[in-house]
C-alpha cells in the first residue's frame, strides 16, 4: 500500500462520485409522472422502464461492488472453488425465464409492488406474506452492509479516513452514506436506474483493461497460473492442508455443484431483484432481459481471474477484500486507479439504493399496511417507504461500523439460505394453487430453522460459525446447506398439503386467474400507467 493519500486517484474518484450524485438528484425529474406520490412511481419507477434501462438496472442490481471485490477475493483466498459464482449466474437465467414473466404479468395486472403482495393475493394469507417479507428484509440488510464495506475497502486503499478518532476515520463513508440516502429519498428507483448506465460502463472498461493490461505487466497467464499454483500448494501450518487449488478436486464437487444450483435458484428472489423486474414496462422486456443478462456472466468470469493476478503480483493483505483494490493501485497508473475505484464505489451505490428501496417496499406494503394501517393512502405509503428506506440504510451503516466485516459476509451467506426458502410459495405459487397456505408456512419455518441452525453449527473460512456447506443427510456428501434446507421445506409442504386437504382445512381465497399470468401491458383489464413526463429517453422504448 502506498504511503499517505493517493491524491490523483482520489481526485478522479471524487469527480465520478460527484457526477453520479448530480445524476441521482436529477433523476427525480426523469420520466416522472404527474402524480408521483405512490409506490409505483417512487418504488418501481412508474413501471415504465424499457429493455435497456431494465438491463442496466438489473445488472447494476445483481453485479455489485461486493461481486467486484468478493468473487476475485474468494479466488485469491482459496482458488477454483470461488468460481462457483460463474456457473450459478449461467444456470439462473434459464430458470428465471420460466417464472419471471409470469410474476411480472400478475403483478402488473393486480398492482403488486412486492413478491409478498403476490403471495398474499395468491394464497389469501397475510401470515405467509409476512413471513416472506421478513425473510426478504433480513436477507437484504447484510447485503446492503456489504456494499458499504466495498466502499470502505476502496477508501482504505486510497488512504483516506485515517484520522485518530472513529469519527474522522469513518467520515468519508458517512458522507457517501448521506449522499446515497438523500438522492434515494428524493428520486426513488429512478436514481439507481440512471446511475447504472455510468456504473456498468465503468466496470466493463476497468475489467477489459485489467484482463489485458495486468497480465502483460505480470508476464502472461502462464506465469500467473504458475505462481498461483505454487501459492495454493503451500500448506497452512495450523490445518496441515493446502491453501487452495487451481482445480477443485473430487471431494469438492458436490459442494461446488449444490452451491451453484442453490445460488442460481435464489438470485432473482431477493427483494431488490424482484423490484428491478417489476419496474419493466412490458412482459417481453423481462423475457428479453433473461436472454441478454448472461453477458454479465462473461464479465464475471474475467473478473474472477483477478484473484489469480493478485497472487502473482505478490499482493499481501490481512483482509482479503482489500486484495483487488490493492492490485489496482499497484498495477495501474494513478489516474486509472481512480477510475477503477470509482467503478467499485458506484457499483456499491446502485445496488445499495435498490436494496433499501426493496426492503422499504416490503415493510410498507406487507407489514405497515397489512397489520398497522390498512387504510393507508398511496401517498402515505410512499412517505412511509421513503422513511423506511432511510432506516434500512442506517441499520446497514451501523452494522458496518460496529461489527467485524467477516461477520457481515457470513450473514450475507446466511441470507442466501433464507431466500431459498421462499421458492415453494413464490415460484410454486406462480404455477400451481395446489399447495396449502398453512403447509407453505410450515415448510418455510422448517427450512429457516434447519438452515439457520446448520449454518450456525458450521465453521466458515474465517469464523467458527455460519459456513454454508455441510454433510447432506442420507447422501453423506458435503453440499450447500441452503439446498438441503430447501428439500426439507418442500417435503414438509407436500406432506402437510396432502394431510390438510384430507382433513378439509380451510384454504385462502385466490384473487388471481389463469389469464393474469400471461397478461401484458395494453391487454384489456390490465392496469395502465400514466405516461412519463419526458419521452425519448434512450433505452426507454
Protein backbone atom coordinates (compact mmCIF):
# COMPACT_ATOMS: atom_id res chain seq x y z
CA UNK A 1 0.00 0.00 0.00
CA UNK A 2 1.33 3.42 -0.95
CA UNK A 3 2.11 5.79 1.89
CA UNK A 4 -0.39 8.57 2.52
CA UNK A 5 -3.26 9.60 0.29
CA UNK A 6 -3.18 8.76 -3.42
CA UNK A 7 -4.13 12.28 -4.50
CA UNK A 8 -4.60 11.69 -8.23
CA UNK A 9 -6.69 8.55 -7.74
CA UNK A 10 -8.72 10.29 -5.04
CA UNK A 11 -9.41 13.27 -7.32
CA UNK A 12 -10.67 11.02 -10.13
CA UNK A 13 -12.78 9.05 -7.63
CA UNK A 14 -14.34 12.24 -6.26
CA UNK A 15 -15.08 13.50 -9.79
CA UNK A 16 -17.10 10.40 -10.68
CA UNK A 17 -18.75 10.33 -7.27
CA UNK A 18 -19.92 13.93 -7.65
CA UNK A 19 -21.10 13.22 -11.21
CA UNK A 20 -23.34 10.34 -10.15
CA UNK A 21 -24.57 12.35 -7.15
CA UNK A 22 -25.82 15.06 -9.50
CA UNK A 23 -27.39 12.37 -11.70
CA UNK A 24 -29.08 10.87 -8.65
CA UNK A 25 -30.83 14.12 -7.76
CA UNK A 26 -31.66 14.94 -11.40
CA UNK A 27 -33.31 11.52 -11.71
CA UNK A 28 -36.28 12.78 -9.69
CA UNK A 29 -37.45 14.62 -12.83
CA UNK A 30 -36.58 11.82 -15.27
CA UNK A 31 -39.63 10.10 -16.78
CA UNK A 32 -41.71 11.43 -13.89
CA UNK A 33 -45.49 11.06 -13.97
CA UNK A 34 -47.85 13.85 -12.94
CA UNK A 35 -48.79 12.01 -9.75
CA UNK A 36 -45.59 10.75 -8.16
CA UNK A 37 -46.91 10.21 -4.63
CA UNK A 38 -47.29 6.44 -4.77
CA UNK A 39 -45.10 3.35 -4.60
CA UNK A 40 -45.48 2.61 -8.31
CA UNK A 41 -43.63 5.86 -9.02
CA UNK A 42 -41.14 6.09 -6.15
CA UNK A 43 -40.51 2.38 -5.58
CA UNK A 44 -40.87 0.99 -9.14
CA UNK A 45 -40.00 3.93 -11.37
CA UNK A 46 -43.55 4.10 -12.68
CA UNK A 47 -43.22 0.56 -14.06
CA UNK A 48 -42.03 2.31 -17.20
CA UNK A 49 -38.50 1.06 -17.92
CA UNK A 50 -37.76 -0.46 -21.32
CA UNK A 51 -35.38 -3.28 -22.23
CA UNK A 52 -32.06 -1.45 -21.95
CA UNK A 53 -32.86 0.55 -18.84
CA UNK A 54 -34.04 -2.67 -17.17
CA UNK A 55 -30.90 -4.46 -18.35
CA UNK A 56 -28.62 -1.85 -16.82
CA UNK A 57 -30.78 -1.70 -13.69
CA UNK A 58 -30.74 -5.48 -13.20
CA UNK A 59 -27.03 -5.62 -13.99
CA UNK A 60 -26.34 -2.85 -11.50
CA UNK A 61 -28.58 -4.64 -9.04
CA UNK A 62 -27.09 -8.13 -9.27
CA UNK A 63 -23.44 -7.46 -10.10
CA UNK A 64 -22.45 -5.27 -7.20
CA UNK A 65 -19.34 -3.84 -5.55
CA UNK A 66 -19.44 -6.92 -3.36
CA UNK A 67 -19.23 -9.03 -6.52
CA UNK A 68 -16.36 -6.90 -7.80
CA UNK A 69 -14.44 -7.31 -4.54
CA UNK A 70 -15.57 -10.68 -3.14
CA UNK A 71 -15.53 -13.02 -6.16
CA UNK A 72 -11.85 -12.46 -7.02
CA UNK A 73 -11.11 -12.28 -3.27
CA UNK A 74 -12.55 -15.80 -2.93
CA UNK A 75 -10.26 -16.95 -5.76
CA UNK A 76 -7.34 -15.18 -4.08
CA UNK A 77 -8.06 -16.93 -0.78
CA UNK A 78 -8.97 -20.45 -1.88
CA UNK A 79 -8.60 -20.95 -5.61
CA UNK A 80 -11.01 -22.56 -8.03
CA UNK A 81 -13.83 -23.05 -5.50
CA UNK A 82 -14.55 -19.33 -5.84
CA UNK A 83 -15.52 -19.83 -9.49
CA UNK A 84 -18.89 -21.27 -8.39
CA UNK A 85 -20.25 -17.75 -8.96
CA UNK A 86 -19.75 -18.12 -12.72
CA UNK A 87 -21.85 -21.25 -13.38
CA UNK A 88 -24.58 -20.15 -10.98
CA UNK A 89 -25.10 -16.92 -12.90
CA UNK A 90 -25.36 -19.03 -16.06
CA UNK A 91 -27.76 -21.56 -14.54
CA UNK A 92 -30.11 -18.92 -13.16
CA UNK A 93 -31.24 -17.40 -16.47
CA UNK A 94 -32.96 -20.48 -17.95
CA UNK A 95 -34.64 -20.93 -14.57
CA UNK A 96 -35.90 -17.37 -14.25
CA UNK A 97 -37.04 -17.29 -17.91
CA UNK A 98 -39.75 -19.75 -16.85
CA UNK A 99 -41.21 -17.70 -13.99
CA UNK A 100 -40.19 -14.03 -14.07
CA UNK A 101 -42.51 -13.11 -16.98
CA UNK A 102 -45.38 -14.75 -15.09
CA UNK A 103 -44.53 -12.77 -11.96
CA UNK A 104 -44.37 -9.52 -13.95
CA UNK A 105 -47.74 -10.21 -15.59
CA UNK A 106 -49.69 -10.99 -12.42
CA UNK A 107 -48.02 -8.12 -10.54
CA UNK A 108 -48.85 -5.68 -13.31
CA UNK A 109 -52.44 -6.89 -13.50
CA UNK A 110 -53.10 -6.51 -9.76
CA UNK A 111 -50.72 -3.68 -8.86
CA UNK A 112 -48.44 -5.85 -6.71
CA UNK A 113 -45.31 -3.97 -5.63
CA UNK A 114 -43.55 -6.83 -3.83
CA UNK A 115 -43.33 -10.61 -4.07
CA UNK A 116 -45.17 -10.79 -0.73
CA UNK A 117 -48.06 -8.88 -2.30
CA UNK A 118 -48.36 -11.69 -4.83
CA UNK A 119 -48.19 -14.44 -2.19
CA UNK A 120 -50.93 -12.73 -0.14
CA UNK A 121 -53.15 -12.42 -3.21
CA UNK A 122 -52.46 -15.93 -4.48
CA UNK A 123 -52.94 -17.83 -1.22
CA UNK A 124 -55.12 -15.39 0.74
CA UNK A 125 -52.68 -15.45 3.64
CA UNK A 126 -51.28 -12.37 5.36
CA UNK A 127 -49.26 -14.64 7.65
CA UNK A 128 -47.43 -16.28 4.75
CA UNK A 129 -46.95 -12.88 3.13
CA UNK A 130 -45.48 -11.54 6.40
CA UNK A 131 -43.09 -14.50 6.64
CA UNK A 132 -41.74 -13.83 3.16
CA UNK A 133 -41.50 -10.09 3.81
CA UNK A 134 -39.47 -10.60 7.00
CA UNK A 135 -37.24 -13.08 5.19
CA UNK A 136 -36.59 -10.58 2.42
CA UNK A 137 -35.79 -7.75 4.80
CA UNK A 138 -33.48 -9.91 6.94
CA UNK A 139 -31.62 -11.21 3.88
CA UNK A 140 -31.26 -7.72 2.40
CA UNK A 141 -29.80 -5.90 5.40
CA UNK A 142 -26.35 -7.56 5.42
CA UNK A 143 -26.31 -7.33 1.61
CA UNK A 144 -26.61 -3.53 1.87
CA UNK A 145 -23.93 -3.56 4.55
CA UNK A 146 -21.55 -5.35 2.20
CA UNK A 147 -21.98 -2.61 -0.41
CA UNK A 148 -20.82 -0.13 2.21
CA UNK A 149 -17.94 -2.49 3.04
CA UNK A 150 -16.96 -2.32 -0.64
CA UNK A 151 -16.83 1.49 -0.49
CA UNK A 152 -14.86 1.32 2.74
CA UNK A 153 -12.31 -1.06 1.16
CA UNK A 154 -11.69 1.44 -1.65
CA UNK A 155 -11.37 4.34 0.80
CA UNK A 156 -8.88 2.34 2.89
CA UNK A 157 -6.62 1.70 -0.10
CA UNK A 158 -6.94 5.33 -1.23
CA UNK A 159 -5.58 6.31 2.18
CA UNK A 160 -8.48 8.50 3.31
CA UNK A 161 -10.38 8.22 6.57
CA UNK A 162 -7.25 7.63 8.61
CA UNK A 163 -8.00 10.00 11.45
CA UNK A 164 -7.10 9.29 15.06
CA UNK A 165 -10.70 9.04 16.26
CA UNK A 166 -13.57 6.93 14.97
CA UNK A 167 -15.48 9.90 13.54
CA UNK A 168 -12.66 11.13 11.31
CA UNK A 169 -11.76 7.58 10.32
CA UNK A 170 -15.29 6.85 9.12
CA UNK A 171 -16.15 10.35 7.88
CA UNK A 172 -15.71 9.54 4.15
CA UNK A 173 -18.05 6.56 4.48
CA UNK A 174 -20.57 8.69 6.41
CA UNK A 175 -20.51 11.27 3.62
CA UNK A 176 -21.05 8.58 0.97
CA UNK A 177 -23.91 7.19 3.03
CA UNK A 178 -25.51 10.61 3.44
CA UNK A 179 -25.42 11.28 -0.30
CA UNK A 180 -26.86 7.84 -1.07
CA UNK A 181 -29.67 8.33 1.45
CA UNK A 182 -30.52 11.81 0.13
CA UNK A 183 -30.87 11.03 -3.56
CA UNK A 184 -32.64 7.72 -2.90
CA UNK A 185 -35.19 9.55 -0.74
CA UNK A 186 -35.63 12.22 -3.40
CA UNK A 187 -35.65 10.16 -6.61
CA UNK A 188 -36.57 6.61 -5.62
CA UNK A 189 -35.77 3.84 -8.12
CA UNK A 190 -35.10 6.32 -10.91
CA UNK A 191 -31.80 7.33 -9.26
CA UNK A 192 -30.08 3.91 -9.38
CA UNK A 193 -31.63 3.25 -12.81
CA UNK A 194 -29.96 6.35 -14.24
CA UNK A 195 -26.67 5.89 -12.40
CA UNK A 196 -26.50 2.24 -13.51
CA UNK A 197 -25.52 3.40 -17.02
CA UNK A 198 -22.35 5.00 -15.64
CA UNK A 199 -21.66 2.18 -13.21
CA UNK A 200 -21.83 -0.60 -15.79
CA UNK A 201 -19.83 1.34 -18.38
CA UNK A 202 -17.04 1.93 -15.86
CA UNK A 203 -16.99 -1.69 -14.72
CA UNK A 204 -16.77 -3.03 -18.27
CA UNK A 205 -13.96 -0.60 -19.11
CA UNK A 206 -11.99 -1.48 -15.97
CA UNK A 207 -12.34 -5.24 -16.43
CA UNK A 208 -11.41 -5.17 -20.13
CA UNK A 209 -8.33 -3.06 -19.38
CA UNK A 210 -7.40 -5.18 -16.35
CA UNK A 211 -7.67 -8.52 -18.17
CA UNK A 212 -5.32 -7.24 -20.89
CA UNK A 213 -3.01 -4.80 -19.12
CA UNK A 214 -2.26 -6.63 -15.87
CA UNK A 215 -1.24 -9.99 -17.47
CA UNK A 216 1.14 -8.09 -19.77
CA UNK A 217 2.78 -6.47 -16.73
CA UNK A 218 2.95 -9.80 -14.90
CA UNK A 219 4.48 -11.80 -17.75
CA UNK A 220 1.41 -13.51 -19.18
CA UNK A 221 -1.18 -16.00 -18.00
CA UNK A 222 1.30 -18.90 -17.90
CA UNK A 223 3.28 -17.08 -15.24
CA UNK A 224 0.11 -16.03 -13.38
CA UNK A 225 -1.22 -19.61 -13.17
CA UNK A 226 2.19 -20.98 -12.21
CA UNK A 227 2.58 -18.52 -9.34
CA UNK A 228 -1.00 -19.16 -8.19
CA UNK A 229 -0.44 -22.92 -8.28
CA UNK A 230 2.67 -22.56 -6.13
CA UNK A 231 0.85 -20.36 -3.62
CA UNK A 232 -2.13 -22.71 -3.33
CA UNK A 233 0.15 -25.72 -2.78
CA UNK A 234 1.64 -24.22 0.39
CA UNK A 235 0.15 -25.91 3.45
CA UNK A 236 -1.40 -23.99 6.27
CA UNK A 237 0.69 -24.79 9.39
CA UNK A 238 -2.42 -24.73 11.58
CA UNK A 239 -4.55 -27.10 9.49
CA UNK A 240 -1.92 -29.02 7.55
CA UNK A 241 -3.99 -28.51 4.39
CA UNK A 242 -3.09 -26.59 1.22
CA UNK A 243 -4.37 -23.04 0.90
CA UNK A 244 -6.47 -23.96 -2.14
CA UNK A 245 -6.31 -25.41 -5.64
CA UNK A 246 -6.28 -24.26 -9.24
CA UNK A 247 -8.78 -27.04 -9.99
CA UNK A 248 -11.28 -28.30 -7.42
CA UNK A 249 -10.80 -31.96 -6.50
CA UNK A 250 -13.44 -34.72 -6.47
CA UNK A 251 -14.17 -34.20 -2.78
CA UNK A 252 -15.36 -30.65 -3.51
CA UNK A 253 -17.62 -31.40 -6.47
CA UNK A 254 -20.88 -31.89 -4.55
CA UNK A 255 -20.31 -28.72 -2.56
CA UNK A 256 -19.43 -26.78 -5.72
CA UNK A 257 -22.43 -28.04 -7.71
CA UNK A 258 -25.04 -27.65 -4.95
CA UNK A 259 -23.76 -24.19 -4.03
CA UNK A 260 -24.02 -23.11 -7.67
CA UNK A 261 -27.51 -24.60 -8.10
CA UNK A 262 -28.87 -23.23 -4.83
CA UNK A 263 -27.44 -19.78 -5.50
CA UNK A 264 -28.95 -19.80 -9.01
CA UNK A 265 -32.38 -20.64 -7.59
CA UNK A 266 -32.18 -17.82 -5.04
CA UNK A 267 -30.61 -14.97 -7.05
CA UNK A 268 -33.77 -13.46 -8.56
CA UNK A 269 -35.88 -13.99 -5.44
CA UNK A 270 -34.06 -11.29 -3.47
CA UNK A 271 -36.34 -8.28 -2.98
CA UNK A 272 -34.05 -5.99 -4.98
CA UNK A 273 -34.13 -8.37 -7.94
CA UNK A 274 -37.93 -8.51 -7.85
CA UNK A 275 -38.12 -4.72 -7.59
CA UNK A 276 -35.98 -4.27 -10.70
CA UNK A 277 -38.04 -6.85 -12.60
CA UNK A 278 -41.38 -5.24 -11.70
CA UNK A 279 -40.11 -1.85 -12.92
CA UNK A 280 -40.14 -3.12 -16.51
CA UNK A 281 -42.89 -1.74 -18.73
CA UNK A 282 -43.79 -4.97 -20.53
CA UNK A 283 -43.72 -8.75 -20.28
CA UNK A 284 -41.34 -9.01 -23.23
CA UNK A 285 -38.94 -6.60 -21.52
CA UNK A 286 -38.39 -9.28 -18.88
CA UNK A 287 -38.15 -12.10 -21.41
CA UNK A 288 -35.56 -10.23 -23.46
CA UNK A 289 -33.54 -9.41 -20.35
CA UNK A 290 -33.22 -13.06 -19.35
CA UNK A 291 -31.58 -13.66 -22.73
CA UNK A 292 -29.11 -10.75 -22.69
CA UNK A 293 -28.20 -10.59 -18.98
CA UNK A 294 -25.78 -13.55 -19.38
CA UNK A 295 -23.39 -11.02 -20.94
CA UNK A 296 -22.65 -10.08 -17.35
CA UNK A 297 -21.60 -13.68 -16.66
CA UNK A 298 -18.84 -13.29 -19.25
CA UNK A 299 -17.70 -10.21 -17.36
CA UNK A 300 -17.85 -12.14 -14.09
CA UNK A 301 -15.62 -14.92 -15.45
CA UNK A 302 -12.99 -12.36 -16.43
CA UNK A 303 -13.38 -10.57 -13.11
CA UNK A 304 -12.71 -13.79 -11.18
CA UNK A 305 -9.32 -14.09 -12.89
CA UNK A 306 -8.15 -11.02 -10.97
CA UNK A 307 -7.84 -13.24 -7.89
CA UNK A 308 -5.05 -15.23 -9.57
CA UNK A 309 -3.42 -11.99 -10.74
CA UNK A 310 -3.36 -10.64 -7.18
CA UNK A 311 -1.42 -13.73 -6.09
CA UNK A 312 1.03 -13.46 -8.98
CA UNK A 313 1.53 -9.76 -8.23
CA UNK A 314 2.54 -10.62 -4.66
CA UNK A 315 -0.37 -8.80 -3.01
CA UNK A 316 -0.30 -9.39 0.75
CA UNK A 317 -3.31 -8.21 2.75
CA UNK A 318 -4.80 -9.32 6.06
CA UNK A 319 -8.33 -8.63 4.80
CA UNK A 320 -8.93 -10.49 1.52
CA UNK A 321 -11.48 -7.88 0.44
CA UNK A 322 -8.60 -5.42 0.00
CA UNK A 323 -6.75 -7.68 -2.45
CA UNK A 324 -8.32 -6.38 -5.66
CA UNK A 325 -8.31 -2.66 -4.72
CA UNK A 326 -4.67 -3.09 -3.74
CA UNK A 327 -3.92 -4.89 -7.02
CA UNK A 328 -5.42 -1.97 -8.95
CA UNK A 329 -3.38 0.59 -7.01
CA UNK A 330 -0.15 -1.36 -7.54
CA UNK A 331 -0.68 -2.16 -11.23
CA UNK A 332 -2.49 0.84 -12.74
CA UNK A 333 -1.36 4.44 -13.23
CA UNK A 334 -2.82 6.64 -10.53
CA UNK A 335 -5.46 8.21 -12.78
CA UNK A 336 -6.81 4.84 -13.90
CA UNK A 337 -6.69 3.58 -10.31
CA UNK A 338 -9.17 6.37 -9.60
CA UNK A 339 -11.38 5.14 -12.46
CA UNK A 340 -11.25 1.57 -11.13
CA UNK A 341 -12.07 2.68 -7.59
CA UNK A 342 -14.93 4.80 -8.90
CA UNK A 343 -16.31 1.71 -10.65
CA UNK A 344 -16.27 -0.18 -7.34
CA UNK A 345 -17.69 2.73 -5.36
CA UNK A 346 -20.52 3.45 -7.81
CA UNK A 347 -21.00 -0.30 -8.08
CA UNK A 348 -21.90 -0.14 -4.39
CA UNK A 349 -24.20 2.87 -4.56
CA UNK A 350 -26.52 1.45 -7.25
CA UNK A 351 -27.43 -1.87 -5.56
CA UNK A 352 -27.47 -0.32 -2.08
CA UNK A 353 -30.12 2.14 -3.29
CA UNK A 354 -32.23 -0.58 -4.93
CA UNK A 355 -31.91 -2.88 -1.92
CA UNK A 356 -33.00 -0.20 0.53
CA UNK A 357 -35.99 0.67 -1.69
CA UNK A 358 -36.98 -3.00 -1.99
CA UNK A 359 -36.75 -3.60 1.77
CA UNK A 360 -38.74 -0.41 2.41
CA UNK A 361 -41.46 -1.51 -0.02
CA UNK A 362 -41.76 -4.84 1.80
CA UNK A 363 -42.10 -3.11 5.15
CA UNK A 364 -44.66 -0.60 3.85
CA UNK A 365 -46.90 -2.97 1.90
CA UNK A 366 -46.66 -6.21 3.87
CA UNK A 367 -46.10 -5.07 7.45
CA UNK A 368 -47.25 -1.46 7.84
CA UNK A 369 -50.30 -1.54 5.57
CA UNK A 370 -51.34 -5.14 6.24
CA UNK A 371 -51.03 -5.03 10.03
CA UNK A 372 -50.71 -1.42 11.24
CA UNK A 373 -52.63 0.95 8.94
CA UNK A 374 -54.80 -0.93 6.41
CA UNK A 375 -56.40 2.34 5.19
CA UNK A 376 -53.07 3.95 4.22
CA UNK A 377 -53.42 6.05 1.07
CA UNK A 378 -50.96 5.69 -1.85
CA UNK A 379 -49.32 8.99 -0.84
CA UNK A 380 -48.99 7.83 2.76
CA UNK A 381 -47.47 4.53 1.58
CA UNK A 382 -44.86 6.41 -0.45
CA UNK A 383 -43.97 8.60 2.56
CA UNK A 384 -43.60 5.61 4.88
CA UNK A 385 -41.50 3.75 2.33
CA UNK A 386 -39.14 6.72 1.93
CA UNK A 387 -38.62 6.88 5.70
CA UNK A 388 -38.21 3.11 5.93
CA UNK A 389 -35.52 3.20 3.25
CA UNK A 390 -33.55 5.65 5.39
CA UNK A 391 -33.86 3.40 8.44
CA UNK A 392 -32.72 0.37 6.45
CA UNK A 393 -29.59 2.22 5.31
CA UNK A 394 -28.90 3.46 8.84
CA UNK A 395 -29.15 -0.14 10.08
CA UNK A 396 -26.69 -1.30 7.41
CA UNK A 397 -24.31 1.53 8.28
CA UNK A 398 -24.39 0.65 11.99
CA UNK A 399 -23.71 -2.96 11.00
CA UNK A 400 -20.62 -1.91 9.05
CA UNK A 401 -19.26 0.48 11.68
CA UNK A 402 -19.75 -1.72 14.73
CA UNK A 403 -19.22 -5.31 13.59
CA UNK A 404 -16.40 -7.38 12.17
CA UNK A 405 -16.58 -7.24 8.35
CA UNK A 406 -16.29 -11.02 8.08
CA UNK A 407 -19.47 -11.28 10.15
CA UNK A 408 -21.28 -9.22 7.52
CA UNK A 409 -20.13 -11.65 4.85
CA UNK A 410 -21.30 -14.63 6.89
CA UNK A 411 -24.71 -13.07 7.39
CA UNK A 412 -24.98 -12.41 3.66
CA UNK A 413 -24.29 -16.09 3.02
CA UNK A 414 -26.98 -16.90 5.58
CA UNK A 415 -29.31 -14.57 3.67
CA UNK A 416 -28.96 -16.79 0.60
CA UNK A 417 -30.06 -19.79 2.66
CA UNK A 418 -33.07 -17.84 3.91
CA UNK A 419 -34.15 -16.53 0.50
CA UNK A 420 -34.09 -20.06 -0.92
CA UNK A 421 -36.88 -20.98 1.50
CA UNK A 422 -39.27 -18.63 -0.31
CA UNK A 423 -39.16 -20.72 -3.52
CA UNK A 424 -42.14 -23.03 -2.79
CA UNK A 425 -44.53 -20.16 -2.01
CA UNK A 426 -43.31 -17.66 -4.61
CA UNK A 427 -42.18 -19.76 -7.58
CA UNK A 428 -44.53 -22.65 -6.81
CA UNK A 429 -47.42 -20.21 -6.48
CA UNK A 430 -46.78 -18.87 -9.97
CA UNK A 431 -47.59 -22.28 -11.45
CA UNK A 432 -49.99 -24.03 -9.08
CA UNK A 433 -52.55 -23.35 -6.36
CA UNK A 434 -52.32 -26.93 -5.03
CA UNK A 435 -50.09 -26.10 -2.06
CA UNK A 436 -51.98 -25.28 1.13
CA UNK A 437 -51.11 -21.94 2.72
CA UNK A 438 -50.52 -23.47 6.17
CA UNK A 439 -48.28 -26.14 4.67
CA UNK A 440 -46.24 -23.46 2.88
CA UNK A 441 -45.83 -21.56 6.15
CA UNK A 442 -44.76 -24.72 8.00
CA UNK A 443 -42.32 -25.66 5.23
CA UNK A 444 -40.85 -22.17 5.27
CA UNK A 445 -40.40 -22.38 9.07
CA UNK A 446 -38.77 -25.82 8.84
CA UNK A 447 -36.33 -24.67 6.16
CA UNK A 448 -35.48 -21.46 8.02
CA UNK A 449 -34.85 -23.20 11.34
CA UNK A 450 -32.85 -26.06 9.85
CA UNK A 451 -30.80 -23.80 7.55
CA UNK A 452 -30.01 -21.27 10.29
CA UNK A 453 -29.12 -23.99 12.81
CA UNK A 454 -26.82 -25.90 10.44
CA UNK A 455 -25.17 -22.70 9.23
CA UNK A 456 -24.51 -21.58 12.81
CA UNK A 457 -23.12 -25.02 13.59
CA UNK A 458 -20.74 -24.98 10.60
CA UNK A 459 -17.42 -23.10 10.64
CA UNK A 460 -16.62 -20.77 7.75
CA UNK A 461 -13.20 -19.94 6.35
CA UNK A 462 -12.80 -17.09 8.83
CA UNK A 463 -15.22 -17.80 11.71
CA UNK A 464 -16.40 -20.62 13.94
CA UNK A 465 -19.96 -20.21 12.67
CA UNK A 466 -22.09 -19.50 9.60
CA UNK A 467 -20.41 -21.60 6.97
CA UNK A 468 -22.55 -22.60 4.01
CA UNK A 469 -21.70 -26.25 3.26
CA UNK A 470 -22.25 -29.28 5.46
CA UNK A 471 -22.90 -33.02 5.09
CA UNK A 472 -26.15 -33.77 3.27
CA UNK A 473 -28.28 -36.23 5.29
CA UNK A 474 -28.61 -39.74 3.81
CA UNK A 475 -26.18 -38.98 0.97
CA UNK A 476 -23.19 -38.22 3.19
CA UNK A 477 -21.67 -35.81 0.66
CA UNK A 478 -20.75 -32.25 1.53
CA UNK A 479 -23.26 -29.84 0.00
CA UNK A 480 -24.91 -26.43 0.24
CA UNK A 481 -26.93 -26.05 3.44
CA UNK A 482 -29.50 -23.84 1.71
CA UNK A 483 -30.36 -26.53 -0.83
CA UNK A 484 -30.67 -29.18 1.88
CA UNK A 485 -33.00 -26.88 3.84
CA UNK A 486 -34.99 -26.26 0.66
CA UNK A 487 -35.50 -30.01 0.11
CA UNK A 488 -36.71 -30.32 3.72
CA UNK A 489 -39.01 -27.35 3.10
CA UNK A 490 -40.56 -28.99 0.01
CA UNK A 491 -41.06 -32.34 1.77
CA UNK A 492 -42.89 -30.64 4.66
CA UNK A 493 -45.05 -28.63 2.23
CA UNK A 494 -46.10 -31.70 0.21
CA UNK A 495 -46.79 -33.93 3.22
CA UNK A 496 -48.78 -31.27 5.10
CA UNK A 497 -50.69 -30.20 2.00
CA UNK A 498 -51.91 -33.77 1.49
CA UNK A 499 -52.83 -34.05 5.18
CA UNK A 500 -54.57 -30.66 5.39
CA UNK A 501 -56.59 -31.28 2.23
CA UNK A 502 -57.62 -34.68 3.55
CA UNK A 503 -58.79 -33.02 6.77
CA UNK A 504 -60.67 -30.32 4.85
CA UNK A 505 -58.69 -27.45 6.34
CA UNK A 506 -59.92 -24.08 5.02
CA UNK A 507 -57.87 -22.65 2.21
CA UNK A 508 -57.40 -18.98 1.42
CA UNK A 509 -59.05 -17.08 -1.43
CA UNK A 510 -57.08 -16.76 -4.67
CA UNK A 511 -57.65 -13.31 -6.21
CA UNK A 512 -55.78 -14.19 -9.40
CA UNK A 513 -56.95 -16.00 -12.55
CA UNK A 514 -55.07 -18.15 -15.08
CA UNK A 515 -55.11 -15.33 -17.64
CA UNK A 516 -53.34 -12.97 -15.20
CA UNK A 517 -50.09 -14.89 -15.55
CA UNK A 518 -49.73 -14.18 -19.27
CA UNK A 519 -51.20 -10.66 -19.32
CA UNK A 520 -49.22 -7.84 -20.88
CA UNK A 521 -49.39 -4.06 -20.78
CA UNK A 522 -52.18 -2.89 -23.05
CA UNK A 523 -54.30 -6.02 -22.62
CA UNK A 524 -57.95 -5.39 -21.65
CA UNK A 525 -58.32 -5.11 -17.88
CA UNK A 526 -54.61 -4.60 -17.23
CA UNK A 527 -53.61 -1.51 -15.27
CA UNK A 528 -52.41 1.34 -17.48
CA UNK A 529 -49.70 3.58 -16.12
CA UNK A 530 -49.53 7.34 -16.56
CA UNK A 531 -47.16 8.28 -19.42
CA UNK A 532 -43.79 9.65 -18.33
CA UNK A 533 -43.41 13.39 -18.44
CA UNK A 534 -40.31 13.12 -20.62
CA UNK A 535 -40.23 10.98 -23.74
CA UNK A 536 -37.38 9.93 -25.96
CA UNK A 537 -35.00 8.69 -23.27
CA UNK A 538 -32.55 6.20 -24.85
CA UNK A 539 -33.35 2.66 -23.91
CA UNK A 540 -36.77 3.54 -22.57
CA UNK A 541 -38.80 2.49 -25.57
